[in-house]
Amino acid sequence: MPERQQIDAGMALLAARFIQRLPERQVRLQAGWAEWQANSKATVPAALIRELHALAGAAPLFGHPALGDQCRALEQALQQADTVIEKAAPAITALFAGITALQTEQSPPV
């Protein structure tokens, strides 16, 4: 197999793993969100920021730039000192819906 085809095959495998791991990422995001909702007077959980940051970087690499942009924007918004949970709710809800839709689109036929 030529080198370019090997690289393409490797990237396709990594992209498939990225999609396979989205449910785990979504669980971590939801846990961070739930933690913040439970104590909305507290600062945004660091784990939520970290997961958004990681997803913002990885998503475009594997062909999902819109998801990366969405995560980056939410990460930046949550890092603002005046961000309150009510302002973040629509964005995080849209992110969860987008991740779910992406998993559904990428699922192999049954």
C-alpha atoms as a PDB file:
ATOM      1  CA  MET A   1       0.000   0.000   0.000  1.00  0.00           C
ATOM      2  CA  PRO A   2       1.455   3.409  -0.941  1.00  0.00           C
ATOM      3  CA  GLU A   3       2.355   5.741   1.902  1.00  0.00           C
ATOM      4  CA  ARG A   4      -0.483   8.197   1.197  1.00  0.00           C
ATOM      5  CA  GLN A   5      -3.052   5.410   1.314  1.00  0.00           C
ATOM      6  CA  GLN A   6      -1.603   4.211   4.617  1.00  0.00           C
ATOM      7  CA  ILE A   7      -1.892   7.706   6.042  1.00  0.00           C
ATOM      8  CA  ASP A   8      -5.459   8.044   4.767  1.00  0.00           C
ATOM      9  CA  ALA A   9      -6.378   4.657   6.221  1.00  0.00           C
ATOM     10  CA  GLY A  10      -4.833   5.614   9.553  1.00  0.00           C
ATOM     11  CA  MET A  11      -6.713   8.901   9.644  1.00  0.00           C
ATOM     12  CA  ALA A  12      -9.969   7.124   8.772  1.00  0.00           C
ATOM     13  CA  LEU A  13      -9.393   4.730  11.661  1.00  0.00           C
ATOM     14  CA  LEU A  14      -8.678   7.615  14.045  1.00  0.00           C
ATOM     15  CA  ALA A  15     -11.772   9.475  12.816  1.00  0.00           C
ATOM     16  CA  ALA A  16     -13.895   6.386  13.461  1.00  0.00           C
ATOM     17  CA  ARG A  17     -12.436   6.105  16.982  1.00  0.00           C
ATOM     18  CA  PHE A  18     -13.221   9.776  17.552  1.00  0.00           C
ATOM     19  CA  ILE A  19     -16.890   9.092  16.747  1.00  0.00           C
ATOM     20  CA  GLN A  20     -16.884   5.934  18.882  1.00  0.00           C
ATOM     21  CA  ARG A  21     -15.594   7.904  21.862  1.00  0.00           C
ATOM     22  CA  LEU A  22     -18.142  10.705  21.582  1.00  0.00           C
ATOM     23  CA  PRO A  23     -20.544   9.007  24.019  1.00  0.00           C
ATOM     24  CA  GLU A  24     -17.782   8.954  26.673  1.00  0.00           C
ATOM     25  CA  ARG A  25     -17.008  12.603  26.026  1.00  0.00           C
ATOM     26  CA  GLN A  26     -20.667  13.500  26.214  1.00  0.00           C
ATOM     27  CA  VAL A  27     -20.973  11.725  29.575  1.00  0.00           C
ATOM     28  CA  ARG A  28     -18.044  13.768  30.915  1.00  0.00           C
ATOM     29  CA  LEU A  29     -19.533  16.981  29.539  1.00  0.00           C
ATOM     30  CA  GLN A  30     -22.914  16.166  31.051  1.00  0.00           C
ATOM     31  CA  ALA A  31     -21.297  15.368  34.411  1.00  0.00           C
ATOM     32  CA  GLY A  32     -19.525  18.730  34.437  1.00  0.00           C
ATOM     33  CA  TRP A  33     -22.722  20.476  33.435  1.00  0.00           C
ATOM     34  CA  ALA A  34     -24.711  18.668  36.140  1.00  0.00           C
ATOM     35  CA  GLU A  35     -22.067  19.588  38.721  1.00  0.00           C
ATOM     36  CA  TRP A  36     -22.379  23.242  37.786  1.00  0.00           C
ATOM     37  CA  GLN A  37     -26.175  23.100  37.778  1.00  0.00           C
ATOM     38  CA  ALA A  38     -26.107  21.604  41.277  1.00  0.00           C
ATOM     39  CA  ASN A  39     -24.122  24.593  42.515  1.00  0.00           C
ATOM     40  CA  SER A  40     -24.646  27.391  40.011  1.00  0.00           C
ATOM     41  CA  LYS A  41     -23.058  29.926  42.346  1.00  0.00           C
ATOM     42  CA  ALA A  42     -19.738  28.107  42.028  1.00  0.00           C
ATOM     43  CA  THR A  43     -17.266  28.611  39.228  1.00  0.00           C
ATOM     44  CA  VAL A  44     -17.542  26.473  36.124  1.00  0.00           C
ATOM     45  CA  PRO A  45     -16.050  23.029  36.829  1.00  0.00           C
ATOM     46  CA  ALA A  46     -12.519  22.707  35.455  1.00  0.00           C
ATOM     47  CA  ALA A  47     -13.365  19.258  34.070  1.00  0.00           C
ATOM     48  CA  LEU A  48     -16.075  20.799  31.880  1.00  0.00           C
ATOM     49  CA  ILE A  49     -13.655  23.407  30.529  1.00  0.00           C
ATOM     50  CA  ARG A  50     -10.977  20.745  29.886  1.00  0.00           C
ATOM     51  CA  GLU A  51     -13.373  18.483  28.003  1.00  0.00           C
ATOM     52  CA  LEU A  52     -14.641  21.365  25.862  1.00  0.00           C
ATOM     53  CA  HIS A  53     -11.055  22.393  25.117  1.00  0.00           C
ATOM     54  CA  ALA A  54     -10.043  18.861  24.106  1.00  0.00           C
ATOM     55  CA  LEU A  55     -13.100  18.412  21.913  1.00  0.00           C
ATOM     56  CA  ALA A  56     -12.599  21.846  20.331  1.00  0.00           C
ATOM     57  CA  GLY A  57      -9.139  20.747  19.210  1.00  0.00           C
ATOM     58  CA  ALA A  58      -9.934  17.184  18.182  1.00  0.00           C
ATOM     59  CA  ALA A  59     -13.203  17.684  16.292  1.00  0.00           C
ATOM     60  CA  PRO A  60     -11.764  19.719  13.380  1.00  0.00           C
ATOM     61  CA  LEU A  61      -8.832  17.326  13.063  1.00  0.00           C
ATOM     62  CA  PHE A  62     -11.259  14.502  12.348  1.00  0.00           C
ATOM     63  CA  GLY A  63     -13.489  16.393   9.934  1.00  0.00           C
ATOM     64  CA  HIS A  64     -15.976  18.084  12.246  1.00  0.00           C
ATOM     65  CA  PRO A  65     -15.005  21.775  12.321  1.00  0.00           C
ATOM     66  CA  ALA A  66     -18.494  22.982  13.273  1.00  0.00           C
ATOM     67  CA  LEU A  67     -18.425  20.872  16.430  1.00  0.00           C
ATOM     68  CA  GLY A  68     -14.963  22.224  17.210  1.00  0.00           C
ATOM     69  CA  ASP A  69     -16.148  25.795  16.731  1.00  0.00           C
ATOM     70  CA  GLN A  70     -19.165  25.168  18.937  1.00  0.00           C
ATOM     71  CA  CYS A  71     -16.983  23.745  21.714  1.00  0.00           C
ATOM     72  CA  ARG A  72     -14.429  26.551  21.434  1.00  0.00           C
ATOM     73  CA  ALA A  73     -17.114  29.232  21.624  1.00  0.00           C
ATOM     74  CA  LEU A  74     -18.711  27.579  24.645  1.00  0.00           C
ATOM     75  CA  GLU A  75     -15.335  27.102  26.330  1.00  0.00           C
ATOM     76  CA  GLN A  76     -14.512  30.783  25.853  1.00  0.00           C
ATOM     77  CA  ALA A  77     -17.948  31.897  27.038  1.00  0.00           C
ATOM     78  CA  LEU A  78     -17.698  29.777  30.171  1.00  0.00           C
ATOM     79  CA  GLN A  79     -14.305  31.254  30.993  1.00  0.00           C
ATOM     80  CA  GLN A  80     -15.783  34.762  31.142  1.00  0.00           C
ATOM     81  CA  ALA A  81     -16.161  35.947  34.709  1.00  0.00           C
ATOM     82  CA  ASP A  82     -19.766  37.034  34.213  1.00  0.00           C
ATOM     83  CA  THR A  83     -21.038  33.799  32.703  1.00  0.00           C
ATOM     84  CA  VAL A  84     -24.032  32.479  34.566  1.00  0.00           C
ATOM     85  CA  ILE A  85     -25.606  29.113  34.125  1.00  0.00           C
ATOM     86  CA  GLU A  86     -28.753  30.557  32.558  1.00  0.00           C
ATOM     87  CA  LYS A  87     -26.714  32.147  29.751  1.00  0.00           C
ATOM     88  CA  ALA A  88     -24.815  28.911  29.105  1.00  0.00           C
ATOM     89  CA  ALA A  89     -27.817  26.566  29.099  1.00  0.00           C
ATOM     90  CA  PRO A  90     -28.890  27.030  25.459  1.00  0.00           C
ATOM     91  CA  ALA A  91     -25.339  26.571  24.168  1.00  0.00           C
ATOM     92  CA  ILE A  92     -24.658  23.414  26.170  1.00  0.00           C
ATOM     93  CA  THR A  93     -28.040  21.976  25.203  1.00  0.00           C
ATOM     94  CA  ALA A  94     -27.268  22.642  21.524  1.00  0.00           C
ATOM     95  CA  LEU A  95     -23.836  21.033  21.954  1.00  0.00           C
ATOM     96  CA  PHE A  96     -25.346  17.861  23.427  1.00  0.00           C
ATOM     97  CA  ALA A  97     -27.841  17.710  20.561  1.00  0.00           C
ATOM     98  CA  GLY A  98     -25.053  18.186  18.018  1.00  0.00           C
ATOM     99  CA  ILE A  99     -22.937  15.417  19.524  1.00  0.00           C
ATOM    100  CA  THR A 100     -25.908  13.060  19.540  1.00  0.00           C
ATOM    101  CA  ALA A 101     -26.718  13.910  15.926  1.00  0.00           C
ATOM    102  CA  LEU A 102     -23.112  13.369  14.869  1.00  0.00           C
ATOM    103  CA  GLN A 103     -23.082   9.931  16.498  1.00  0.00           C
ATOM    104  CA  THR A 104     -26.325   9.036  14.753  1.00  0.00           C
ATOM    105  CA  GLU A 105     -25.019  10.205  11.359  1.00  0.00           C
ATOM    106  CA  GLN A 106     -21.797   8.244  11.744  1.00  0.00           C
ATOM    107  CA  SER A 107     -23.281   5.028  13.115  1.00  0.00           C
ATOM    108  CA  PRO A 108     -22.836   2.042  10.840  1.00  0.00           C
ATOM    109  CA  PRO A 109     -26.064   0.623   9.399  1.00  0.00           C
ATOM    110  CA  VAL A 110     -27.575  -2.216  11.396  1.00  0.00           C
END
